[in-house]
Amino acid sequence: MPRSRVTLKDVAAASGVSATTASFVLNRVTGQTIPPATQERVRRAAAELGYVPHGSARALREGSSRLVLLNVGELPVAGSLRSFIAGLDAELAAHEHTLLVRHGRTGDATLRRAVETADPRAVIDLVKVYAADDPDRLDGGWIDGLATHTATQIDYLAGRGHTRIGFAMPSDDRLARIARLRLQQARTVARTRGLPAPAEFTLDDFVAAAGTITAVATFDGHAQARVVPPVAVPDGHAAVTAVAAFDDDTALRLLSAMADRGLHAPDDLAVIGFDDTGHGGFWRPALTTVRIDAEGYGRRAARAVLGLPTDAAPPAPSTVIVRSTA
């Protein structure tokens, strides 16, 4: 049976703040203007309620085996997820446990049969996390600190003087839920920094644009476009000068489309990736991106499901790998 747990919303309600504020406090997001007294109230509520920020670790069944089942569904096993699995596997092995990864189309019945067959000690169900209708529940495990990583990406562009930022979405439907979450977080970060909300667009929007248009986006409900050279767009909105991509693959596809049009980063449009897959370093100009210690999160998730202390070796903060595109 699923075990009830204290959620981020519970902490927010107990401390009288929004779930976003509670997340910023508990994830130690920098650059906020949250009063110290409010931060202390949130942390005290979390401690009193017994909040543990590892929401992806859902022990569907506490078996006696030394097997841990990770359900990734149809999520692409690449980038951070691959590193997360490596860290999870290494830490479990260090404590004489074995990791079993289930990949492919899934449903409750399918997962239930896998659990009944394997009789694992615990199940980490990433599909259940990403299927949550309420993104405020997405506060643990592999994605613990995702808002912080997104802030690293947006803050870098803001620090380079960009105030009109686009957010490039992936075309892969398997990533739709987490992409919407990342977009929402990017807009929240921008708002707290006093910046306009990043404008959403896809590569199809970009490719479909004619002539000198480099990106199609939406500002205040109106379709707008950036042109080269940069000019103001209707209704007094400034041009988009930089794009934060959902991930490195999306960023590289954007750079490829730009190259086909004779456009260059960062002069025509600055581009920053996310989740440093390594491929961006081979592109010219080399892709600026955000690196995440996903292996560290995997190790921490392993310790969480084994009931071991998780604060001994916390994952390293995300960092910007500065190359040439932004």
Protein backbone atom coordinates (compact mmCIF):
# COMPACT_ATOMS: atom_id res chain seq x y z
CA MET A 1 0.00 0.00 0.00
CA PRO A 2 1.27 3.55 -0.70
CA ARG A 3 2.54 5.29 2.38
CA SER A 4 1.22 8.76 3.13
CA ARG A 5 3.83 11.47 3.30
CA VAL A 6 4.06 15.13 4.10
CA THR A 7 4.01 17.18 0.89
CA LEU A 8 5.37 20.58 -0.02
CA LYS A 9 1.80 21.91 0.05
CA ASP A 10 1.44 20.74 3.66
CA VAL A 11 4.55 22.70 4.62
CA ALA A 12 3.30 25.76 2.73
CA ALA A 13 -0.10 25.64 4.43
CA ALA A 14 1.43 25.20 7.88
CA SER A 15 3.77 28.16 7.41
CA GLY A 16 1.23 30.43 5.69
CA VAL A 17 3.10 30.85 2.40
CA SER A 18 2.66 29.72 -1.20
CA ALA A 19 4.01 26.38 -2.34
CA THR A 20 6.42 28.25 -4.62
CA THR A 21 7.83 30.24 -1.69
CA ALA A 22 8.15 27.08 0.38
CA SER A 23 9.99 25.40 -2.50
CA PHE A 24 12.38 28.34 -2.86
CA VAL A 25 13.16 28.25 0.86
CA LEU A 26 13.61 24.49 1.18
CA ASN A 27 15.62 24.26 -2.05
CA ARG A 28 17.74 27.25 -0.92
CA VAL A 29 17.14 29.19 -4.14
CA THR A 30 19.35 32.28 -4.14
CA GLY A 31 18.41 35.78 -5.26
CA GLN A 32 15.03 35.80 -3.50
CA THR A 33 13.62 38.58 -1.30
CA ILE A 34 11.96 36.25 1.18
CA PRO A 35 12.29 37.71 4.72
CA PRO A 36 14.50 35.69 7.08
CA ALA A 37 11.57 35.30 9.50
CA THR A 38 9.47 33.73 6.75
CA GLN A 39 12.29 31.40 5.77
CA GLU A 40 12.67 30.29 9.38
CA ARG A 41 8.91 29.71 9.65
CA VAL A 42 8.96 27.48 6.57
CA ARG A 43 11.93 25.45 7.80
CA ARG A 44 10.39 25.07 11.25
CA ALA A 45 7.11 23.85 9.73
CA ALA A 46 9.02 21.36 7.56
CA ALA A 47 10.89 20.03 10.59
CA GLU A 48 7.77 19.78 12.76
CA LEU A 49 5.81 17.98 10.02
CA GLY A 50 8.68 15.63 9.21
CA TYR A 51 8.89 16.76 5.57
CA VAL A 52 11.39 14.76 3.50
CA PRO A 53 12.12 16.20 -0.01
CA HIS A 54 12.27 12.94 -1.85
CA GLY A 55 8.82 12.72 -3.37
CA SER A 56 9.79 10.37 -6.21
CA ALA A 57 10.59 7.57 -3.78
CA ARG A 58 7.20 5.92 -3.51
CA ALA A 59 7.52 2.62 -1.69
CA LEU A 60 4.51 0.80 -3.11
CA ARG A 61 5.45 -2.24 -1.12
CA GLU A 62 8.03 -2.87 1.57
CA GLY A 63 9.43 -6.25 0.67
CA SER A 64 12.33 -8.00 2.35
CA SER A 65 14.41 -8.40 -0.82
CA ARG A 66 17.52 -6.40 -1.64
CA LEU A 67 16.01 -5.21 -4.91
CA VAL A 68 14.90 -1.65 -5.70
CA LEU A 69 12.69 -1.06 -8.74
CA LEU A 70 12.99 2.18 -10.72
CA ASN A 71 10.11 2.84 -13.11
CA VAL A 72 11.04 5.39 -15.80
CA GLY A 73 8.18 4.64 -18.20
CA GLU A 74 8.84 6.14 -21.62
CA LEU A 75 11.14 8.91 -20.40
CA PRO A 76 14.24 9.03 -22.64
CA VAL A 77 17.15 7.45 -20.79
CA ALA A 78 19.69 10.16 -21.55
CA GLY A 79 21.40 13.10 -19.93
CA SER A 80 20.48 13.56 -16.29
CA LEU A 81 18.30 10.48 -16.15
CA ARG A 82 21.20 8.29 -17.25
CA SER A 83 23.46 9.89 -14.65
CA PHE A 84 20.75 9.62 -12.00
CA ILE A 85 20.47 5.88 -12.70
CA ALA A 86 24.24 5.50 -12.47
CA GLY A 87 24.36 7.21 -9.07
CA LEU A 88 21.33 5.29 -7.82
CA ASP A 89 22.85 1.99 -8.93
CA ALA A 90 26.27 2.74 -7.42
CA GLU A 91 24.88 3.74 -4.02
CA LEU A 92 22.51 0.77 -3.85
CA ALA A 93 25.36 -1.58 -4.79
CA ALA A 94 27.50 -0.07 -2.03
CA HIS A 95 24.80 -1.22 0.41
CA GLU A 96 24.41 -4.66 -1.21
CA HIS A 97 21.20 -3.84 -3.05
CA THR A 98 20.42 -4.35 -6.73
CA LEU A 99 18.71 -1.87 -9.01
CA LEU A 100 16.10 -3.03 -11.52
CA VAL A 101 15.10 -0.42 -14.13
CA ARG A 102 11.78 -0.76 -15.92
CA HIS A 103 11.59 1.19 -19.18
CA GLY A 104 8.68 1.29 -21.64
CA ARG A 105 4.98 1.98 -21.78
CA THR A 106 3.42 1.43 -18.42
CA GLY A 107 0.25 1.67 -16.38
CA ASP A 108 -0.80 0.93 -12.84
CA ALA A 109 -1.65 -2.70 -13.67
CA THR A 110 1.65 -3.25 -15.48
CA LEU A 111 3.68 -1.77 -12.67
CA ARG A 112 1.69 -3.72 -10.09
CA ARG A 113 2.54 -6.99 -11.85
CA ALA A 114 6.22 -6.02 -11.93
CA VAL A 115 6.13 -5.27 -8.22
CA GLU A 116 4.36 -8.53 -7.41
CA THR A 117 6.88 -10.50 -9.48
CA ALA A 118 10.06 -8.81 -8.24
CA ASP A 119 8.91 -8.19 -4.64
CA PRO A 120 11.30 -5.20 -4.31
CA ARG A 121 12.16 -3.50 -1.08
CA ALA A 122 11.05 -0.19 -2.60
CA VAL A 123 9.79 1.35 -5.84
CA ILE A 124 10.92 4.70 -7.21
CA ASP A 125 8.21 5.66 -9.68
CA LEU A 126 9.28 8.62 -11.82
CA VAL A 127 6.22 8.16 -14.04
CA LYS A 128 3.93 8.81 -11.08
CA VAL A 129 5.87 11.96 -10.25
CA TYR A 130 5.68 13.39 -13.76
CA ALA A 131 2.02 12.41 -14.11
CA ALA A 132 1.07 14.61 -11.16
CA ASP A 133 -1.48 17.25 -12.13
CA ASP A 134 -0.14 19.58 -9.45
CA PRO A 135 3.50 20.51 -10.22
CA ASP A 136 4.01 21.66 -6.63
CA ARG A 137 4.09 17.96 -5.73
CA LEU A 138 7.15 17.52 -7.90
CA ASP A 139 9.56 18.26 -5.10
CA GLY A 140 11.84 15.30 -4.59
CA GLY A 141 14.19 12.62 -5.83
CA TRP A 142 15.71 13.15 -9.26
CA ILE A 143 13.94 16.51 -9.74
CA ASP A 144 14.61 17.86 -6.25
CA GLY A 145 15.96 21.34 -6.87
CA LEU A 146 14.73 21.57 -10.48
CA ALA A 147 13.51 25.12 -9.82
CA THR A 148 17.02 25.98 -8.62
CA HIS A 149 18.57 24.55 -11.79
CA THR A 150 16.12 26.51 -13.93
CA ALA A 151 17.00 29.65 -11.96
CA THR A 152 20.67 29.03 -12.77
CA GLN A 153 19.80 29.08 -16.47
CA ILE A 154 17.59 32.19 -16.39
CA ASP A 155 19.87 34.11 -14.03
CA TYR A 156 22.83 33.58 -16.35
CA LEU A 157 20.99 35.18 -19.26
CA ALA A 158 19.73 38.01 -17.05
CA GLY A 159 23.29 38.57 -15.82
CA ARG A 160 24.39 38.98 -19.44
CA GLY A 161 21.90 41.81 -19.82
CA HIS A 162 19.02 39.95 -21.49
CA THR A 163 15.58 41.06 -20.35
CA ARG A 164 13.45 39.50 -23.12
CA ILE A 165 14.01 35.77 -22.95
CA GLY A 166 12.38 32.98 -24.95
CA PHE A 167 11.93 29.41 -23.72
CA ALA A 168 12.39 26.72 -26.38
CA MET A 169 10.15 23.70 -25.79
CA PRO A 170 10.96 20.13 -26.94
CA SER A 171 8.90 18.36 -29.60
CA ASP A 172 9.07 14.99 -27.79
CA ASP A 173 5.65 14.27 -26.24
CA ARG A 174 7.30 12.11 -23.59
CA LEU A 175 8.82 15.26 -22.14
CA ALA A 176 5.66 17.37 -22.26
CA ARG A 177 4.87 17.36 -18.53
CA ILE A 178 8.35 18.17 -17.30
CA ALA A 179 8.73 20.75 -20.08
CA ARG A 180 5.60 22.56 -18.90
CA LEU A 181 6.98 22.45 -15.35
CA ARG A 182 10.30 23.92 -16.47
CA LEU A 183 8.51 26.68 -18.38
CA GLN A 184 6.40 27.49 -15.33
CA GLN A 185 9.48 27.62 -13.13
CA ALA A 186 11.33 29.82 -15.64
CA ARG A 187 8.43 32.27 -15.59
CA THR A 188 8.35 32.25 -11.78
CA VAL A 189 12.08 32.93 -11.61
CA ALA A 190 11.77 35.75 -14.14
CA ARG A 191 8.90 37.32 -12.20
CA THR A 192 10.87 37.28 -8.95
CA ARG A 193 13.74 38.99 -10.79
CA GLY A 194 11.46 41.70 -12.15
CA LEU A 195 11.69 40.40 -15.73
CA PRO A 196 8.91 39.74 -18.26
CA ALA A 197 7.76 36.12 -18.42
CA PRO A 198 9.85 34.07 -20.88
CA ALA A 199 8.00 33.58 -24.16
CA GLU A 200 7.25 29.97 -25.12
CA PHE A 201 8.01 28.69 -28.61
CA THR A 202 8.91 25.45 -30.36
CA LEU A 203 11.39 24.64 -33.09
CA ASP A 204 8.46 24.26 -35.50
CA ASP A 205 7.53 27.87 -34.71
CA PHE A 206 11.06 28.90 -35.55
CA VAL A 207 11.31 26.92 -38.79
CA ALA A 208 7.88 28.04 -39.98
CA ALA A 209 8.78 31.70 -39.58
CA ALA A 210 9.49 33.41 -42.90
CA GLY A 211 12.20 35.80 -44.07
CA THR A 212 14.30 37.26 -41.30
CA ILE A 213 12.07 36.16 -38.41
CA THR A 214 14.12 34.18 -35.91
CA ALA A 215 11.56 33.17 -33.30
CA VAL A 216 7.82 33.18 -32.88
CA ALA A 217 6.52 33.65 -29.36
CA THR A 218 3.55 34.93 -27.39
CA PHE A 219 3.55 38.09 -25.32
CA ASP A 220 0.45 38.99 -23.32
CA GLY A 221 -1.67 36.70 -25.47
CA HIS A 222 -0.51 38.21 -28.80
CA ALA A 223 1.71 36.39 -31.29
CA GLN A 224 4.91 38.36 -31.75
CA ALA A 225 8.18 37.78 -33.54
CA ARG A 226 11.82 38.81 -33.27
CA VAL A 227 13.52 39.98 -36.45
CA VAL A 228 17.12 40.63 -37.39
CA PRO A 229 18.36 43.23 -36.74
CA PRO A 230 16.54 43.51 -33.39
CA VAL A 231 13.60 45.91 -33.48
CA ALA A 232 10.69 46.62 -31.18
CA VAL A 233 7.65 44.46 -31.85
CA PRO A 234 4.03 45.68 -31.72
CA ASP A 235 2.46 46.91 -28.49
CA GLY A 236 5.81 48.22 -27.27
CA HIS A 237 7.35 44.83 -26.54
CA ALA A 238 11.09 44.53 -26.96
CA ALA A 239 12.64 41.80 -29.10
CA VAL A 240 13.62 38.40 -27.74
CA THR A 241 17.42 38.42 -27.58
CA ALA A 242 18.13 35.14 -25.79
CA VAL A 243 16.63 31.66 -25.55
CA ALA A 244 16.74 29.25 -22.62
CA ALA A 245 16.24 25.81 -24.14
CA PHE A 246 14.49 22.95 -22.35
CA ASP A 247 17.58 20.78 -22.83
CA ASP A 248 20.74 20.51 -24.90
CA ASP A 249 19.03 18.58 -27.70
CA THR A 250 16.46 21.35 -28.11
CA ALA A 251 19.22 23.98 -28.04
CA LEU A 252 21.27 22.16 -30.68
CA ARG A 253 18.26 21.83 -32.97
CA LEU A 254 17.67 25.56 -32.60
CA LEU A 255 21.31 26.33 -33.41
CA SER A 256 21.06 24.09 -36.47
CA ALA A 257 17.95 25.93 -37.68
CA MET A 258 19.72 29.24 -37.10
CA ALA A 259 22.72 28.08 -39.11
CA ASP A 260 20.43 27.12 -42.01
CA ARG A 261 19.22 30.73 -42.03
CA GLY A 262 22.69 32.23 -41.80
CA LEU A 263 22.14 33.35 -38.22
CA HIS A 264 24.75 33.13 -35.48
CA ALA A 265 24.75 32.75 -31.71
CA PRO A 266 25.13 34.83 -29.65
CA ASP A 267 25.19 37.82 -32.03
CA ASP A 268 21.77 37.25 -33.57
CA LEU A 269 20.27 35.23 -30.74
CA ALA A 270 21.94 33.96 -27.56
CA VAL A 271 21.17 30.31 -26.73
CA ILE A 272 21.77 28.38 -23.51
CA GLY A 273 21.11 24.65 -23.14
CA PHE A 274 20.31 22.60 -20.06
CA ASP A 275 21.53 19.27 -18.71
CA ASP A 276 25.01 19.27 -20.30
CA THR A 277 24.95 16.08 -22.36
CA GLY A 278 28.45 16.73 -23.72
CA HIS A 279 27.32 16.95 -27.34
CA GLY A 280 27.08 20.72 -27.18
CA GLY A 281 30.82 21.01 -26.79
CA PHE A 282 31.29 19.60 -30.31
CA TRP A 283 29.01 22.16 -32.00
CA ARG A 284 30.48 25.35 -33.39
CA PRO A 285 29.97 27.74 -31.77
CA ALA A 286 30.09 25.50 -28.71
CA LEU A 287 26.90 25.42 -26.66
CA THR A 288 26.70 27.19 -23.31
CA THR A 289 24.67 25.01 -20.95
CA VAL A 290 23.74 24.12 -17.37
CA ARG A 291 25.37 21.13 -15.69
CA ILE A 292 23.46 19.21 -12.99
CA ASP A 293 24.90 16.74 -10.50
CA ALA A 294 22.26 14.13 -11.39
CA GLU A 295 24.49 11.30 -10.18
CA GLY A 296 24.54 12.95 -6.76
CA TYR A 297 20.75 13.06 -6.76
CA GLY A 298 20.69 9.38 -7.65
CA ARG A 299 22.92 8.53 -4.71
CA ARG A 300 20.75 10.59 -2.39
CA ALA A 301 17.58 8.91 -3.65
CA ALA A 302 19.15 5.52 -2.98
CA ARG A 303 19.96 6.49 0.60
CA ALA A 304 16.43 7.82 1.04
CA VAL A 305 14.75 4.56 0.03
CA LEU A 306 17.16 2.61 2.24
CA GLY A 307 16.35 4.81 5.22
CA LEU A 308 19.89 6.18 5.46
CA PRO A 309 20.91 9.80 6.22
CA THR A 310 20.78 11.87 3.02
CA ASP A 311 22.65 14.99 4.07
CA ALA A 312 26.13 13.51 4.37
CA ALA A 313 27.09 14.20 0.74
CA PRO A 314 24.53 16.56 -0.84
CA PRO A 315 24.50 16.94 -4.64
CA ALA A 316 26.63 19.76 -5.96
CA PRO A 317 24.81 22.95 -7.06
CA SER A 318 24.06 23.31 -10.75
CA THR A 319 26.59 25.39 -12.68
CA VAL A 320 26.75 27.14 -16.03
CA ILE A 321 29.28 25.70 -18.48
CA VAL A 322 30.21 28.87 -20.31
CA ARG A 323 31.08 28.26 -23.94
CA SER A 324 30.26 30.44 -26.94
CA THR A 325 26.52 30.65 -27.60
CA ALA A 326 25.44 32.83 -24.68
